[in-house]
Amino acid sequence: MSRSRRIATLLAPLLGLLLAGCNDNPKLMADSSVGAMPSGRHQVASAGQTEAVGGGSVGTAGGKARCAPGKWVASGRWWCTLCNEDGTDFANGGKSVDDSNICTVDRCDPDKGVVHDPGEGLCPNQDICHKGSCRAGQCAQDPISCEDSNPCTQDSCAPATGCTYTPTTAACDDGIALTPDDTCVEGICVGILDADRDGIPNHGPIKHCSDGQTTGCVDNCPMTPNPDQKDSDGNGLGDACGHSIQVMNFKTKAKVIALTFDDGYNDQATMELLDTLKAFNARATFFINGLYLDNGALKSATISRLIHDGHKLGNHSFSHTIGTKKADTVLELTRGDEALEAMNGHDMRPYFRSPAFSDAPWLAAALNQAGYSHDFRANMDPKDWRETHASTEAMLKCLTERVEPGDIVLMHAGPRFTADTLPRVMAMLKEQGYTFLTVEDMIYFGTIVERGELLAKTCERYYGNKE
């Protein structure tokens, strides 16, 4: 035999392997490593050798290497595999292993072929009443909870509308020992139904009683007894409130105070105030600038929570000014009220606080025209808005030493200083026996002190300044 023929004979098996794939499902692939075979895999010494492989066999067919479907074998430095180099399924014509199931991790395993391992995480929600999450390779649908811990609503979820909170007439407890009624009204736990004790409830449908109407509406002058509900000019403000008054504080022996918050330019800080008030079973009054409702700085959800937690809303003008004439003031009041009504249908009337305690000869007439009966000032002003000048310890000392029964305390819904300091302020005042009420409910325990020459108490000297 010639030398060239002998070389060709020797190389024939190798050439056969180089040109061959598996003639069944597995694919023959090169492996650059030489050494011990991986556990569970089998080496073929020559293309003609037959070896049992998990019930199958390895051998030759038509001069090509052959391996049992679904198995790995080795022949020299060649391996049979079930996967293409790009991870696709060799046995299925190179198709992707993706099964379109978001809850599985899809791959091609050289030994097993296509594998779909269970994945973790979220998956699409079936509807707005369910939350999808991956479990055992499937998208499980868990019902969401609509529970809002409000005893005055029936909570449920409908796929078309989401969470719904239907008002009930159940008994409730507002957590305030001094309040006598504790009744669910329009989804709110009301502690005092009729603060001025005239037989007309202050809480109920949004509509104010019109001239002579006494049922199916709320008191059109809630801090002045007017059982006849007369409203001659039809502006929603009873005749008994025909002249707007400026309220400084309340005369009472009961240890009750009114916490009030102005502005509303920081939604997160306002939510934190609401959290603190709820923790102390407190009711407060918020005088909001309509601008912050209009531009979205204060969110609708925050206003809704404020109302349903039993707090009171008042108007602080639209853009923190009363303007330079009566028409300006009326417009500021109207725009502020319209901003709230556009957001959730509620009304800021009849309570107002003049921005920066501004005054003008026409102010009372403008308030009457717009349907506002009371302009609430304050006799305790810690000036919390001056965050860089205020000090937590100084403010705590000031309020615990200077607050008295019947006080109206002025703070702000916006400064971080206020949101951070309020829990300690309320804790110390509660230790002194104080209960926190809305300005409206204060009338139940005392009488109005109108603004006179008396100046508000401040914390200036506690901050190192002159009073």
Protein backbone atom coordinates (compact mmCIF):
# COMPACT_ATOMS: atom_id res chain seq x y z
CA MET A 1 0.00 0.00 0.00
CA SER A 2 1.30 3.37 -0.93
CA ARG A 3 2.26 5.87 1.75
CA SER A 4 -0.51 8.31 0.67
CA ARG A 5 -3.11 5.57 0.79
CA ARG A 6 -2.00 4.53 4.27
CA ILE A 7 -2.36 8.18 5.45
CA ALA A 8 -5.81 8.44 3.90
CA THR A 9 -6.88 5.21 5.62
CA LEU A 10 -5.65 6.51 8.99
CA LEU A 11 -7.40 9.89 8.59
CA ALA A 12 -10.72 8.52 7.33
CA PRO A 13 -12.30 8.00 10.78
CA LEU A 14 -11.27 11.50 11.86
CA LEU A 15 -12.63 13.06 8.69
CA GLY A 16 -15.85 11.16 9.23
CA LEU A 17 -16.19 12.70 12.70
CA LEU A 18 -15.36 16.19 11.45
CA LEU A 19 -18.06 16.01 8.81
CA ALA A 20 -20.66 14.25 10.90
CA GLY A 21 -23.47 15.48 13.13
CA CYS A 22 -25.68 13.18 15.13
CA ASN A 23 -28.10 11.49 12.82
CA ASP A 24 -30.66 11.47 15.64
CA ASN A 25 -31.53 14.54 17.76
CA PRO A 26 -28.29 15.41 19.59
CA LYS A 27 -25.73 17.59 17.85
CA LEU A 28 -22.04 16.70 17.68
CA MET A 29 -19.91 19.61 18.92
CA ALA A 30 -16.18 20.15 19.43
CA ASP A 31 -14.78 20.46 22.95
CA SER A 32 -11.31 21.94 23.30
CA SER A 33 -10.74 20.35 26.69
CA VAL A 34 -8.95 17.03 27.04
CA GLY A 35 -9.04 15.00 30.21
CA ALA A 36 -11.53 13.28 32.45
CA MET A 37 -15.08 13.09 31.18
CA PRO A 38 -17.74 14.95 33.19
CA SER A 39 -19.75 12.74 35.52
CA GLY A 40 -22.55 10.90 33.75
CA ARG A 41 -21.07 11.37 30.26
CA HIS A 42 -19.36 8.67 28.24
CA GLN A 43 -16.32 8.56 26.01
CA VAL A 44 -16.20 6.53 22.82
CA ALA A 45 -12.70 5.25 22.05
CA SER A 46 -13.49 4.78 18.38
CA ALA A 47 -16.39 5.34 16.07
CA GLY A 48 -16.99 1.60 15.86
CA GLN A 49 -17.29 0.99 19.63
CA THR A 50 -20.72 0.51 21.13
CA GLU A 51 -21.36 1.55 24.75
CA ALA A 52 -24.56 1.57 26.78
CA VAL A 53 -25.70 5.11 27.61
CA GLY A 54 -28.69 5.22 29.92
CA GLY A 55 -30.46 2.49 28.05
CA GLY A 56 -29.40 3.79 24.63
CA SER A 57 -26.25 3.12 22.66
CA VAL A 58 -23.43 4.83 20.83
CA GLY A 59 -22.09 3.44 17.59
CA THR A 60 -21.88 4.10 13.91
CA ALA A 61 -24.45 4.39 11.22
CA GLY A 62 -23.44 4.87 7.66
CA GLY A 63 -19.91 5.67 8.78
CA LYS A 64 -21.05 8.60 10.97
CA ALA A 65 -20.90 8.89 14.73
CA ARG A 66 -24.24 8.08 16.31
CA CYS A 67 -25.57 8.82 19.79
CA ALA A 68 -28.83 8.01 21.50
CA PRO A 69 -31.36 10.88 21.44
CA GLY A 70 -31.28 12.95 24.61
CA LYS A 71 -27.83 11.76 25.72
CA TRP A 72 -24.33 13.18 25.80
CA VAL A 73 -21.37 11.08 24.67
CA ALA A 74 -17.76 11.80 23.85
CA SER A 75 -15.64 10.51 21.03
CA GLY A 76 -12.13 11.75 21.39
CA ARG A 77 -12.60 15.50 21.62
CA TRP A 78 -16.12 15.54 20.21
CA TRP A 79 -19.32 15.80 22.20
CA CYS A 80 -22.99 15.34 21.31
CA THR A 81 -25.31 18.10 22.66
CA LEU A 82 -29.02 18.95 22.64
CA CYS A 83 -28.43 22.70 22.34
CA ASN A 84 -27.10 24.98 19.64
CA GLU A 85 -24.32 27.35 20.52
CA ASP A 86 -26.76 30.28 20.67
CA GLY A 87 -28.88 28.48 23.28
CA THR A 88 -31.67 27.49 20.91
CA ASP A 89 -33.18 23.99 20.76
CA PHE A 90 -31.20 21.79 18.32
CA ALA A 91 -33.73 18.96 18.51
CA ASN A 92 -36.53 21.30 17.43
CA GLY A 93 -34.92 22.89 14.43
CA GLY A 94 -33.20 25.74 16.27
CA LYS A 95 -36.38 27.22 17.70
CA SER A 96 -36.26 29.56 20.68
CA VAL A 97 -36.72 27.99 24.07
CA ASP A 98 -38.99 30.86 25.16
CA ASP A 99 -42.48 29.59 26.04
CA SER A 100 -43.92 33.13 26.48
CA ASN A 101 -44.61 32.41 30.16
CA ILE A 102 -43.41 35.40 32.18
CA CYS A 103 -43.21 33.20 35.26
CA THR A 104 -40.55 30.80 33.93
CA VAL A 105 -36.86 31.16 33.19
CA ASP A 106 -36.35 29.41 29.85
CA ARG A 107 -33.06 27.78 28.81
CA CYS A 108 -31.57 24.88 26.88
CA ASP A 109 -29.81 22.35 29.09
CA PRO A 110 -27.20 20.24 27.25
CA ASP A 111 -28.28 17.12 29.15
CA LYS A 112 -32.03 17.67 29.37
CA GLY A 113 -32.88 19.87 26.42
CA VAL A 114 -35.41 22.69 26.86
CA VAL A 115 -36.02 23.52 30.53
CA HIS A 116 -38.54 25.99 31.98
CA ASP A 117 -37.47 26.80 35.54
CA PRO A 118 -40.01 28.50 37.84
CA GLY A 119 -39.32 32.23 38.12
CA GLU A 120 -40.10 34.85 40.75
CA GLY A 121 -41.50 38.39 40.76
CA LEU A 122 -44.63 40.12 39.54
CA CYS A 123 -46.78 39.23 36.55
CA PRO A 124 -49.68 41.06 34.86
CA ASN A 125 -52.72 41.76 37.02
CA GLN A 126 -55.92 40.03 35.99
CA ASP A 127 -57.80 43.27 36.75
CA ILE A 128 -57.56 46.23 39.11
CA CYS A 129 -58.83 44.09 41.99
CA HIS A 130 -55.99 41.57 41.78
CA LYS A 131 -52.23 41.61 41.97
CA GLY A 132 -50.30 39.07 39.91
CA SER A 133 -47.24 37.29 41.32
CA CYS A 134 -45.25 34.31 40.03
CA ARG A 135 -45.52 31.12 42.07
CA ALA A 136 -44.41 27.62 40.94
CA GLY A 137 -44.04 28.83 37.38
CA GLN A 138 -47.59 30.17 37.16
CA CYS A 139 -49.06 33.69 37.42
CA ALA A 140 -51.12 33.59 40.61
CA GLN A 141 -53.76 36.29 41.16
CA ASP A 142 -54.12 37.56 44.72
CA PRO A 143 -57.07 39.82 45.59
CA ILE A 144 -55.98 43.28 46.71
CA SER A 145 -57.20 44.65 50.03
CA CYS A 146 -59.36 47.76 49.99
CA GLU A 147 -59.47 47.93 53.78
CA ASP A 148 -58.93 51.54 54.88
CA SER A 149 -59.47 50.97 58.65
CA ASN A 150 -62.39 53.40 58.52
CA PRO A 151 -65.28 52.00 60.61
CA CYS A 152 -67.70 54.22 58.71
CA THR A 153 -67.29 52.64 55.27
CA GLN A 154 -68.04 49.26 53.71
CA ASP A 155 -64.93 48.44 51.68
CA SER A 156 -65.03 46.35 48.50
CA CYS A 157 -63.47 46.08 45.05
CA ALA A 158 -65.17 45.88 41.66
CA PRO A 159 -63.16 45.06 38.47
CA ALA A 160 -64.76 47.97 36.63
CA THR A 161 -64.16 50.65 39.27
CA GLY A 162 -61.58 49.36 41.75
CA CYS A 163 -61.88 49.99 45.48
CA THR A 164 -65.16 51.47 46.61
CA TYR A 165 -65.96 52.77 50.08
CA THR A 166 -69.67 52.85 50.79
CA PRO A 167 -70.67 54.98 53.80
CA THR A 168 -72.43 53.18 56.62
CA THR A 169 -74.40 54.34 59.64
CA ALA A 170 -72.53 52.15 62.09
CA ALA A 171 -71.44 53.27 65.53
CA CYS A 172 -67.86 54.44 65.78
CA ASP A 173 -65.33 55.80 68.23
CA ASP A 174 -63.36 58.90 67.29
CA GLY A 175 -60.92 58.26 70.14
CA ILE A 176 -61.71 61.58 71.84
CA ALA A 177 -63.17 61.16 75.30
CA LEU A 178 -64.76 64.63 75.37
CA THR A 179 -66.87 64.25 72.22
CA PRO A 180 -70.41 63.05 72.94
CA ASP A 181 -71.81 61.69 69.69
CA ASP A 182 -69.38 59.43 67.79
CA THR A 183 -71.64 58.69 64.85
CA CYS A 184 -70.86 57.71 61.26
CA VAL A 185 -71.99 60.45 58.88
CA GLU A 186 -71.17 60.38 55.16
CA GLY A 187 -68.31 57.93 55.82
CA ILE A 188 -66.76 60.03 58.61
CA CYS A 189 -66.71 59.29 62.34
CA VAL A 190 -68.14 62.50 63.77
CA GLY A 191 -67.54 63.27 67.44
CA ILE A 192 -69.81 66.32 67.70
CA LEU A 193 -72.81 66.42 65.37
CA ASP A 194 -74.18 69.83 66.33
CA ALA A 195 -71.51 72.07 67.82
CA ASP A 196 -73.77 75.14 68.24
CA ARG A 197 -76.61 72.99 69.63
CA ASP A 198 -79.36 74.48 67.48
CA GLY A 199 -80.76 71.12 66.36
CA ILE A 200 -79.33 71.36 62.82
CA PRO A 201 -76.39 69.01 62.22
CA ASN A 202 -73.07 70.44 61.11
CA HIS A 203 -72.20 67.20 59.32
CA GLY A 204 -73.97 65.43 56.49
CA PRO A 205 -74.64 66.17 52.82
CA ILE A 206 -72.32 68.74 51.30
CA LYS A 207 -75.25 71.07 50.60
CA HIS A 208 -75.87 73.92 53.05
CA CYS A 209 -79.44 74.47 54.17
CA SER A 210 -81.25 77.04 52.06
CA ASP A 211 -83.80 79.56 53.33
CA GLY A 212 -85.98 77.75 55.86
CA GLN A 213 -84.82 74.24 54.91
CA THR A 214 -83.86 72.19 57.96
CA THR A 215 -83.51 68.59 56.73
CA GLY A 216 -81.23 66.88 54.23
CA CYS A 217 -78.62 69.63 54.55
CA VAL A 218 -76.00 70.98 56.92
CA ASP A 219 -76.15 74.03 59.17
CA ASN A 220 -75.66 77.21 57.12
CA CYS A 221 -74.27 78.99 60.19
CA PRO A 222 -72.61 76.14 62.12
CA MET A 223 -71.11 78.17 64.97
CA THR A 224 -74.15 80.36 65.72
CA PRO A 225 -77.52 78.89 66.77
CA ASN A 226 -80.07 79.43 63.98
CA PRO A 227 -82.75 76.71 64.07
CA ASP A 228 -84.78 78.49 61.35
CA GLN A 229 -81.82 78.36 58.85
CA LYS A 230 -82.92 81.67 57.30
CA ASP A 231 -80.85 82.66 54.26
CA SER A 232 -82.47 85.72 52.77
CA ASP A 233 -79.92 86.40 50.04
CA GLY A 234 -79.46 82.74 49.11
CA ASN A 235 -75.65 82.80 49.29
CA GLY A 236 -75.47 79.64 51.39
CA LEU A 237 -74.70 81.62 54.54
CA GLY A 238 -77.46 81.91 57.11
CA ASP A 239 -78.76 85.30 58.19
CA ALA A 240 -77.44 84.57 61.67
CA CYS A 241 -73.95 84.78 60.14
CA GLY A 242 -74.74 87.98 58.29
CA HIS A 243 -71.67 89.75 59.60
CA SER A 244 -68.31 88.01 59.31
CA ILE A 245 -66.32 88.03 62.54
CA GLN A 246 -62.63 87.62 63.25
CA VAL A 247 -61.98 84.89 65.80
CA MET A 248 -58.90 85.09 68.01
CA ASN A 249 -59.51 82.16 70.35
CA PHE A 250 -62.19 80.61 72.60
CA LYS A 251 -63.10 81.25 76.19
CA THR A 252 -63.39 77.91 77.96
CA LYS A 253 -62.27 76.04 81.06
CA ALA A 254 -62.06 72.77 79.16
CA LYS A 255 -58.54 71.70 78.17
CA VAL A 256 -59.23 71.87 74.46
CA ILE A 257 -57.17 73.64 71.78
CA ALA A 258 -57.49 74.06 68.02
CA LEU A 259 -54.44 73.11 65.96
CA THR A 260 -54.59 74.88 62.59
CA PHE A 261 -52.36 74.51 59.52
CA ASP A 262 -52.01 76.99 56.66
CA ASP A 263 -50.94 76.81 52.99
CA GLY A 264 -50.39 73.18 51.83
CA TYR A 265 -47.42 73.55 49.49
CA ASN A 266 -45.79 70.26 50.53
CA ASP A 267 -47.93 67.17 49.97
CA GLN A 268 -45.56 64.74 51.70
CA ALA A 269 -45.23 66.94 54.78
CA THR A 270 -49.02 67.33 54.89
CA MET A 271 -49.48 63.55 54.78
CA GLU A 272 -47.04 63.22 57.67
CA LEU A 273 -49.07 65.77 59.64
CA LEU A 274 -52.18 63.66 59.01
CA ASP A 275 -50.34 60.55 60.23
CA THR A 276 -49.38 62.32 63.45
CA LEU A 277 -52.87 63.71 64.02
CA LYS A 278 -54.35 60.24 63.53
CA ALA A 279 -51.91 58.73 66.01
CA PHE A 280 -53.21 61.15 68.66
CA ASN A 281 -56.91 60.84 67.67
CA ALA A 282 -56.78 64.57 66.95
CA ARG A 283 -58.98 66.75 64.75
CA ALA A 284 -57.49 69.87 63.19
CA THR A 285 -58.35 72.62 60.71
CA PHE A 286 -56.46 73.20 57.44
CA PHE A 287 -56.62 76.59 55.70
CA ILE A 288 -55.53 75.81 52.15
CA ASN A 289 -54.37 78.03 49.30
CA GLY A 290 -56.29 77.13 46.15
CA LEU A 291 -53.13 77.55 44.08
CA TYR A 292 -51.65 74.37 45.60
CA LEU A 293 -54.76 72.43 44.63
CA ASP A 294 -54.76 73.92 41.16
CA ASN A 295 -51.09 73.19 40.38
CA GLY A 296 -51.07 69.71 41.93
CA ALA A 297 -48.67 70.49 44.80
CA LEU A 298 -51.34 69.16 47.13
CA LYS A 299 -52.84 65.92 45.85
CA SER A 300 -56.49 64.95 45.65
CA ALA A 301 -55.80 61.81 47.72
CA THR A 302 -54.39 63.97 50.52
CA ILE A 303 -57.47 66.22 50.56
CA SER A 304 -59.75 63.17 50.57
CA ARG A 305 -57.90 61.66 53.49
CA LEU A 306 -57.96 64.99 55.34
CA ILE A 307 -61.74 65.11 55.07
CA HIS A 308 -62.33 61.45 55.90
CA ASP A 309 -60.07 61.65 58.94
CA GLY A 310 -62.51 64.21 60.35
CA HIS A 311 -60.49 67.39 59.85
CA LYS A 312 -61.98 70.69 58.71
CA LEU A 313 -61.08 72.64 55.58
CA GLY A 314 -60.98 76.41 55.27
CA ASN A 315 -60.03 78.94 52.61
CA HIS A 316 -56.66 80.72 52.77
CA SER A 317 -57.25 82.59 49.47
CA PHE A 318 -56.10 81.30 46.09
CA SER A 319 -52.64 82.88 45.87
CA HIS A 320 -51.97 83.98 49.46
CA THR A 321 -53.25 87.54 49.11
CA ILE A 322 -56.46 89.50 49.62
CA GLY A 323 -55.55 91.94 46.85
CA THR A 324 -55.96 95.69 46.92
CA LYS A 325 -59.73 96.04 46.68
CA LYS A 326 -62.93 94.18 47.54
CA ALA A 327 -63.29 92.65 44.08
CA ASP A 328 -59.78 91.16 44.38
CA THR A 329 -60.66 89.55 47.71
CA VAL A 330 -63.92 88.09 46.40
CA LEU A 331 -62.07 86.67 43.40
CA GLU A 332 -59.38 85.13 45.62
CA LEU A 333 -62.05 83.50 47.77
CA THR A 334 -64.03 82.26 44.79
CA ARG A 335 -61.02 80.83 42.97
CA GLY A 336 -59.85 79.05 46.13
CA ASP A 337 -63.26 77.49 46.64
CA GLU A 338 -63.56 76.50 42.97
CA ALA A 339 -60.17 74.77 43.10
CA LEU A 340 -61.36 72.49 45.90
CA GLU A 341 -64.74 71.87 44.28
CA ALA A 342 -63.04 70.93 41.00
CA MET A 343 -60.79 68.49 42.86
CA ASN A 344 -63.37 66.56 44.89
CA GLY A 345 -66.66 68.42 45.03
CA HIS A 346 -66.27 69.83 48.53
CA ASP A 347 -66.75 73.38 49.72
CA MET A 348 -64.35 75.48 51.81
CA ARG A 349 -67.09 77.71 53.14
CA PRO A 350 -67.77 79.14 55.68
CA TYR A 351 -64.28 79.33 57.25
CA PHE A 352 -61.44 81.58 56.16
CA ARG A 353 -58.04 82.67 57.39
CA SER A 354 -56.59 85.84 55.95
CA PRO A 355 -53.09 85.25 54.51
CA ALA A 356 -50.44 86.77 56.79
CA PHE A 357 -53.40 87.98 58.92
CA SER A 358 -53.93 90.74 56.33
CA ASP A 359 -56.76 93.16 56.99
CA ALA A 360 -58.64 95.75 54.93
CA PRO A 361 -61.73 97.92 55.34
CA TRP A 362 -63.60 95.83 52.75
CA LEU A 363 -62.56 92.40 54.04
CA ALA A 364 -65.69 91.63 56.09
CA ALA A 365 -67.99 92.70 53.24
CA ALA A 366 -66.06 90.54 50.77
CA LEU A 367 -66.30 87.54 53.09
CA ASN A 368 -70.05 88.01 53.50
CA GLN A 369 -70.53 88.29 49.75
CA ALA A 370 -68.57 85.06 49.12
CA GLY A 371 -70.37 83.12 51.88
CA TYR A 372 -67.74 83.12 54.64
CA SER A 373 -68.83 83.68 58.22
CA HIS A 374 -65.60 83.47 60.23
CA ASP A 375 -62.08 84.77 59.68
CA PHE A 376 -59.93 82.72 62.03
CA ARG A 377 -56.86 84.40 63.39
CA ALA A 378 -54.79 82.73 66.13
CA ASN A 379 -53.63 83.68 69.60
CA MET A 380 -50.65 81.27 69.58
CA ASP A 381 -48.22 81.72 66.71
CA PRO A 382 -44.92 79.81 67.01
CA LYS A 383 -43.85 81.02 63.54
CA ASP A 384 -42.89 77.51 62.48
CA TRP A 385 -42.55 78.60 58.85
CA ARG A 386 -39.23 80.27 59.70
CA GLU A 387 -37.51 76.90 59.75
CA THR A 388 -33.94 78.21 59.87
CA HIS A 389 -34.71 80.33 62.93
CA ALA A 390 -36.91 77.91 64.82
CA SER A 391 -35.60 75.20 67.10
CA THR A 392 -37.42 72.01 68.07
CA GLU A 393 -36.49 72.24 71.75
CA ALA A 394 -37.33 75.95 71.87
CA MET A 395 -40.70 75.41 70.22
CA LEU A 396 -41.52 72.53 72.58
CA LYS A 397 -40.68 74.66 75.60
CA CYS A 398 -42.66 77.59 74.24
CA LEU A 399 -45.84 75.69 73.48
CA THR A 400 -45.87 73.64 76.64
CA GLU A 401 -45.39 76.77 78.72
CA ARG A 402 -47.65 79.19 76.84
CA VAL A 403 -50.58 77.16 75.47
CA GLU A 404 -53.82 77.60 77.41
CA PRO A 405 -57.36 76.19 77.16
CA GLY A 406 -59.24 77.61 74.18
CA ASP A 407 -56.14 78.60 72.20
CA ILE A 408 -56.00 78.57 68.42
CA VAL A 409 -52.47 77.49 67.46
CA LEU A 410 -51.17 78.57 64.04
CA MET A 411 -48.80 76.24 62.16
CA HIS A 412 -48.20 75.37 58.51
CA ALA A 413 -48.72 72.42 56.16
CA GLY A 414 -45.45 72.63 54.30
CA PRO A 415 -42.33 73.13 56.43
CA ARG A 416 -40.33 70.00 57.17
CA PHE A 417 -39.66 71.47 60.60
CA THR A 418 -43.37 71.33 61.46
CA ALA A 419 -43.89 67.77 60.21
CA ASP A 420 -40.85 66.58 62.15
CA THR A 421 -41.65 68.49 65.37
CA LEU A 422 -45.42 67.96 65.64
CA PRO A 423 -45.28 64.44 67.18
CA ARG A 424 -43.26 65.70 70.15
CA VAL A 425 -45.40 68.83 70.51
CA MET A 426 -48.61 66.80 70.63
CA ALA A 427 -47.15 64.22 73.00
CA MET A 428 -46.15 66.90 75.51
CA LEU A 429 -49.48 68.74 75.24
CA LYS A 430 -51.37 65.48 75.63
CA GLU A 431 -49.40 64.79 78.81
CA GLN A 432 -50.72 68.11 80.07
CA GLY A 433 -54.26 66.86 79.43
CA TYR A 434 -55.11 68.70 76.21
CA THR A 435 -57.56 67.48 73.56
CA PHE A 436 -57.21 68.64 69.94
CA LEU A 437 -60.37 69.77 68.09
CA THR A 438 -61.40 71.58 64.93
CA VAL A 439 -62.19 75.29 65.22
CA GLU A 440 -65.83 74.42 64.63
CA ASP A 441 -66.04 71.92 67.47
CA MET A 442 -64.42 74.35 69.91
CA ILE A 443 -67.71 76.28 70.11
CA TYR A 444 -69.25 73.28 71.88
CA PHE A 445 -66.97 73.89 74.86
CA GLY A 446 -66.83 77.68 75.01
CA THR A 447 -67.51 81.03 73.41
CA ILE A 448 -65.74 82.98 70.68
CA VAL A 449 -63.23 85.65 71.63
CA GLU A 450 -63.22 88.15 68.77
CA ARG A 451 -60.10 89.84 67.61
CA GLY A 452 -59.35 93.03 69.49
CA GLU A 453 -56.17 94.71 70.48
CA LEU A 454 -54.78 91.49 71.93
CA LEU A 455 -51.69 90.32 70.05
CA ALA A 456 -50.93 86.67 69.44
CA LYS A 457 -48.53 84.90 71.74
CA THR A 458 -45.35 83.91 69.93
CA CYS A 459 -42.21 81.89 70.59
CA GLU A 460 -39.80 84.67 69.62
CA ARG A 461 -38.11 84.98 72.99
CA TYR A 462 -37.64 81.21 73.10
CA TYR A 463 -35.82 81.51 69.76
CA GLY A 464 -33.63 84.28 71.16
CA ASN A 465 -35.56 87.15 69.53
CA LYS A 466 -37.65 90.01 70.81
CA GLU A 467 -41.41 89.43 71.11
